[in-house]
Protein backbone atom coordinates (compact mmCIF):
# COMPACT_ATOMS: atom_id res chain seq x y z
CA MET A 1 89.04 110.72 101.78
CA ALA A 2 88.22 107.86 99.45
CA LEU A 3 89.32 104.27 99.54
CA ARG A 4 91.81 103.17 96.94
CA SER A 5 90.09 101.15 94.23
CA GLY A 6 90.93 97.47 93.90
CA VAL A 7 91.84 96.88 97.56
CA ALA A 8 91.88 93.12 98.21
CA ALA A 9 89.79 92.35 101.30
CA PRO A 10 87.63 89.55 102.72
CA PHE A 11 84.53 91.76 102.35
CA HIS A 12 82.75 89.54 99.83
CA SER A 13 83.08 86.46 102.07
CA VAL A 14 81.74 88.45 105.02
CA ARG A 15 78.81 89.77 102.98
CA TYR A 16 77.84 86.23 102.01
CA ALA A 17 78.31 85.07 105.61
CA LEU A 18 75.97 87.79 106.88
CA ARG A 19 73.35 86.77 104.32
CA LEU A 20 73.70 83.16 105.47
CA LEU A 21 73.40 84.13 109.16
CA GLU A 22 70.23 86.10 108.46
CA THR A 23 68.72 83.11 106.65
CA ILE A 24 69.60 80.72 109.49
CA ALA A 25 68.21 83.14 112.09
CA GLU A 26 64.87 83.16 110.23
CA SER A 27 64.67 79.35 110.55
CA SER A 28 63.71 78.79 114.19
CA GLU A 29 63.63 75.00 113.77
CA GLY A 30 66.87 74.85 111.82
CA ALA A 31 67.51 74.60 108.08
CA LEU A 32 69.22 71.90 106.03
CA GLU A 33 72.15 72.84 103.81
CA ALA A 34 70.16 72.28 100.62
CA GLU A 35 67.48 74.69 101.82
CA LEU A 36 70.08 77.27 102.80
CA GLY A 37 71.63 77.01 99.36
CA ARG A 38 68.26 77.52 97.70
CA ARG A 39 67.34 80.51 99.86
CA THR A 40 70.70 82.28 99.72
CA GLY A 41 71.67 81.41 96.16
CA LEU A 42 75.15 80.38 97.31
CA PRO A 43 76.84 77.53 95.38
CA PRO A 44 77.47 74.32 97.39
CA GLY A 45 81.23 74.83 97.64
CA ARG A 46 80.99 78.40 98.95
CA LEU A 47 78.07 77.48 101.22
CA GLY A 48 79.96 74.61 102.84
CA GLU A 49 83.06 76.76 103.32
CA LEU A 50 81.08 79.54 105.01
CA LEU A 51 79.18 77.11 107.25
CA ARG A 52 82.47 75.64 108.47
CA LEU A 53 83.87 79.12 109.11
CA LEU A 54 80.76 80.22 111.01
CA GLN A 55 80.68 76.98 112.99
CA GLN A 56 84.33 77.42 113.96
CA GLU A 57 83.58 80.93 115.19
CA GLY A 58 80.52 79.78 117.15
CA TYR A 59 78.00 81.71 115.04
CA VAL A 60 76.09 78.61 113.87
CA HIS A 61 75.45 75.14 115.30
CA ARG A 62 74.71 71.89 113.49
CA LEU A 63 71.96 69.69 114.94
CA ARG A 64 71.97 65.90 114.87
CA ASP A 65 69.61 65.81 111.89
CA GLY A 66 72.09 67.90 109.88
CA SER A 67 70.16 71.15 110.03
CA TRP A 68 71.79 74.45 111.04
CA THR A 69 70.68 76.91 113.74
CA SER A 70 72.17 80.03 115.33
CA GLY A 71 75.12 79.29 117.59
CA GLU A 72 76.02 80.54 121.05
CA ALA A 73 78.01 83.50 119.71
CA MET A 74 74.97 84.80 117.81
CA VAL A 75 72.72 84.29 120.83
CA LEU A 76 75.09 86.36 122.97
CA LEU A 77 75.32 89.09 120.33
CA ASN A 78 71.53 89.36 120.29
CA SER A 79 71.18 89.64 124.07
CA GLY A 80 70.44 93.35 124.38
CA GLY A 81 72.78 95.25 126.70
CA ASP A 82 75.38 92.47 126.60
CA ARG A 83 75.97 92.92 122.88
CA ARG A 84 79.00 95.18 123.13
CA ARG A 85 80.67 93.02 125.76
CA ALA A 86 79.92 89.85 123.78
CA ARG A 87 81.32 91.42 120.62
CA GLU A 88 84.54 92.46 122.38
CA GLU A 89 84.92 89.00 123.90
CA LYS A 90 84.32 87.32 120.54
CA LEU A 91 86.91 89.54 118.89
CA ARG A 92 89.41 88.80 121.68
CA GLN A 93 88.85 85.07 121.25
CA SER A 94 89.33 85.35 117.48
CA LEU A 95 92.60 87.26 117.89
CA ASP A 96 93.90 84.88 120.55
CA ARG A 97 93.13 81.89 118.34
CA LEU A 98 94.84 83.59 115.40
CA ARG A 99 97.88 84.37 117.57
CA ARG A 100 98.19 80.70 118.45
CA GLU A 101 97.76 79.67 114.81
CA VAL A 102 100.42 82.00 113.40
CA GLY A 103 102.67 81.76 116.45
CA ALA A 104 103.09 85.52 116.70
CA ALA A 105 101.59 88.61 118.28
CA VAL A 106 98.66 89.91 116.23
CA TYR A 107 97.18 93.38 115.93
CA ILE A 108 94.13 95.16 114.52
CA GLY A 109 94.80 98.58 113.04
CA ARG A 110 92.30 101.23 111.98
CA TYR A 111 92.44 104.56 110.19
CA ALA A 112 89.88 106.99 111.59
CA ASP A 113 89.61 110.79 111.64
CA GLY A 114 92.87 111.10 109.75
CA GLU A 115 94.90 109.05 112.19
CA MET A 116 96.19 105.50 112.58
CA ILE A 117 95.19 103.64 115.76
CA VAL A 118 95.85 100.12 117.05
CA PRO A 119 92.92 99.32 119.36
CA HIS A 120 93.46 95.55 119.75
CA VAL A 121 96.59 93.47 120.33
CA SER A 122 96.90 89.80 121.26
CA SER A 123 100.30 88.83 122.69
CA THR A 124 101.95 86.70 125.37
CA PRO A 125 105.41 86.71 126.98
CA GLU A 126 106.34 83.93 124.53
CA MET A 127 104.87 85.88 121.60
CA PRO A 128 105.43 89.50 122.64
CA ALA A 129 104.14 92.56 120.85
CA VAL A 130 106.73 94.87 119.34
CA ASN A 131 108.14 97.42 121.76
CA GLN A 132 106.28 100.61 120.88
CA TRP A 133 109.27 102.89 121.29
CA VAL A 134 107.73 105.45 118.94
CA GLU A 135 103.96 106.01 119.05
CA PHE A 136 102.33 104.06 116.23
CA ARG A 137 100.27 107.03 115.02
CA ALA A 138 103.52 108.89 114.31
CA ALA A 139 105.10 105.94 112.50
CA ALA A 140 102.64 104.91 109.81
CA HIS A 141 105.39 105.33 107.21
CA ALA A 142 107.59 102.74 108.94
CA THR A 143 105.16 100.03 110.06
CA ALA A 144 103.37 97.28 108.15
CA ILE A 145 100.14 98.36 109.86
CA GLY A 146 100.54 101.98 108.86
CA LYS A 147 101.55 101.29 105.27
CA CYS A 148 98.67 98.83 104.89
CA LEU A 149 96.21 101.46 106.13
CA LEU A 150 97.68 104.23 103.97
CA GLY A 151 97.66 101.89 100.99
CA GLN A 152 93.87 101.65 101.25
CA LEU A 153 93.44 105.41 100.92
CA ASP A 154 93.37 107.24 97.63
CA HIS A 155 96.40 109.26 96.53
CA ASP A 156 95.11 112.50 98.04
CA GLY A 157 94.40 110.78 101.35
CA ARG A 158 97.93 109.42 101.53
CA ARG A 159 99.47 112.77 100.63
CA ASP A 160 97.38 114.47 103.31
CA HIS A 161 98.55 112.04 105.99
CA ILE A 162 102.21 112.27 105.00
CA SER A 163 102.02 116.07 104.96
CA ARG A 164 100.83 116.04 108.58
CA HIS A 165 103.33 113.46 109.87
CA ARG A 166 107.03 113.88 109.22
CA ALA A 167 108.60 110.61 108.06
CA ALA A 168 111.30 110.27 110.70
CA ARG A 169 114.18 107.83 110.23
CA LEU A 170 113.62 105.16 112.88
CA THR A 171 116.14 102.64 111.57
CA SER A 172 118.57 102.53 108.65
CA ARG A 173 115.82 100.79 106.60
CA THR A 174 113.07 103.39 107.12
CA ILE A 175 111.81 105.09 103.98
CA THR A 176 111.80 108.81 104.74
CA ASP A 177 111.65 110.29 101.24
CA ARG A 178 108.06 111.39 100.63
CA ARG A 179 108.09 110.66 96.91
CA ALA A 180 109.65 107.21 97.41
CA LEU A 181 107.08 106.35 100.06
CA LEU A 182 104.14 107.39 97.88
CA THR A 183 105.58 105.42 94.94
CA THR A 184 105.95 102.34 97.14
CA LEU A 185 102.33 102.60 98.27
CA ASP A 186 101.06 103.31 94.74
CA HIS A 187 102.72 100.24 93.26
CA HIS A 188 102.17 97.71 96.04
CA PRO A 189 99.88 94.89 94.79
CA ALA A 190 96.58 94.95 96.71
CA SER A 191 96.62 91.16 96.98
CA MET A 192 100.03 91.04 98.70
CA PRO A 193 100.64 91.54 102.44
CA MET A 194 102.40 94.76 103.38
CA LEU A 195 105.76 94.11 105.07
CA ASP A 196 107.97 95.92 107.56
CA LEU A 197 111.49 94.48 107.49
CA GLN A 198 113.12 96.25 110.44
CA GLU A 199 111.82 99.64 109.29
CA TYR A 200 110.16 100.45 112.62
CA ALA A 201 112.38 98.56 115.06
CA VAL A 202 115.70 96.77 114.65
CA GLY A 203 115.23 93.06 115.27
CA THR A 204 111.52 92.92 114.33
CA VAL A 205 109.69 92.05 111.10
CA CYS A 206 105.97 92.52 110.51
CA ALA A 207 103.22 91.85 107.96
CA ALA A 208 99.72 93.31 107.52
CA VAL A 209 96.66 92.56 105.36
CA PRO A 210 93.58 94.76 104.75
CA LEU A 211 90.33 94.47 106.73
CA THR A 212 88.02 96.66 104.68
CA ALA A 213 84.23 96.81 104.78
CA GLY A 214 82.35 99.69 103.22
CA ALA A 215 83.96 103.03 104.04
CA SER A 216 85.99 101.71 107.00
CA VAL A 217 89.75 101.25 106.69
CA GLY A 218 91.40 98.57 108.80
CA CYS A 219 94.03 95.87 108.79
CA LEU A 220 95.20 92.74 110.54
CA ALA A 221 98.91 92.44 111.34
CA LEU A 222 101.55 90.30 113.04
CA SER A 223 105.09 90.81 114.31
CA LEU A 224 107.99 88.39 114.68
CA PRO A 225 111.49 88.69 116.10
CA LEU A 226 114.11 88.78 113.36
CA ARG A 227 115.43 85.35 114.34
CA GLN A 228 112.05 83.95 113.24
CA GLY A 229 111.93 86.00 110.06
CA TYR A 230 111.99 82.82 107.97
CA ARG A 231 108.37 82.25 109.12
CA LEU A 232 107.10 85.63 107.98
CA ARG A 233 105.80 84.61 104.54
CA GLU A 234 103.89 81.56 105.81
CA ALA A 235 102.52 83.49 108.80
CA ALA A 236 101.37 86.31 106.50
CA GLU A 237 99.55 83.83 104.26
CA THR A 238 97.75 82.40 107.31
CA LEU A 239 96.91 85.93 108.41
CA ASN A 240 95.35 86.62 105.03
CA ARG A 241 93.26 83.43 105.14
CA GLN A 242 91.94 84.31 108.58
CA ALA A 243 91.02 87.90 107.72
CA ALA A 244 87.38 87.00 106.94
CA PRO A 245 86.47 85.58 110.40
CA THR A 246 88.24 88.50 112.09
CA LEU A 247 86.31 91.01 109.98
CA LEU A 248 83.11 89.12 110.80
CA SER A 249 83.78 89.63 114.52
CA LEU A 250 84.23 93.36 113.86
CA VAL A 251 81.08 93.96 111.83
CA LEU A 252 78.55 91.85 113.77
């Protein structure tokens, strides 16, 4: 099934970041910012922004003379058999940092082989994950994660999923009408976070933003108790800003 055209995602930033990492890795003695700009073709503003992002994530390191070299995270990722473990640890660190920044449990969702899965969650007793009282894969129609993933599929892909999973009423706010659900997904702006306002669980609100690279379909999401619902918009905006470093941890 094809991706929906026009999906807003941090893919372009990640593509530029990968190009920048490759250029830095080729410079064993380090490279100054002006040289990196010349070799990558990135404008100064974008270059500086990406260098700060990569430095924050530990992928690059700045030497005393101002030149840039590969950071500890890249060294670990290039260490043979430890690559998978290093990648998982880097992703966990990124999610934990994001959880602290947004003050809410955060999730990574994926759509693979016709099903929705949630392979990574970062939560604490103070910032608990939503109680999964109905299996997520059966509740894509009612969750921010599921609707965000379905929204990245083309119309046929969405219809196929909905035909295989009955849209059960989980709360009084759950959309169960197939036509209404498809219309909602069709008309949702790609640049706006997908929301779940007590559609999956009473007392919980959620938001999700796309994490799309190539043919993969993914998303980043958060959940808040209803009493903190006033923070949802700001938290969703932070989530969207931090999508690029999270996607970087997934693709490296």
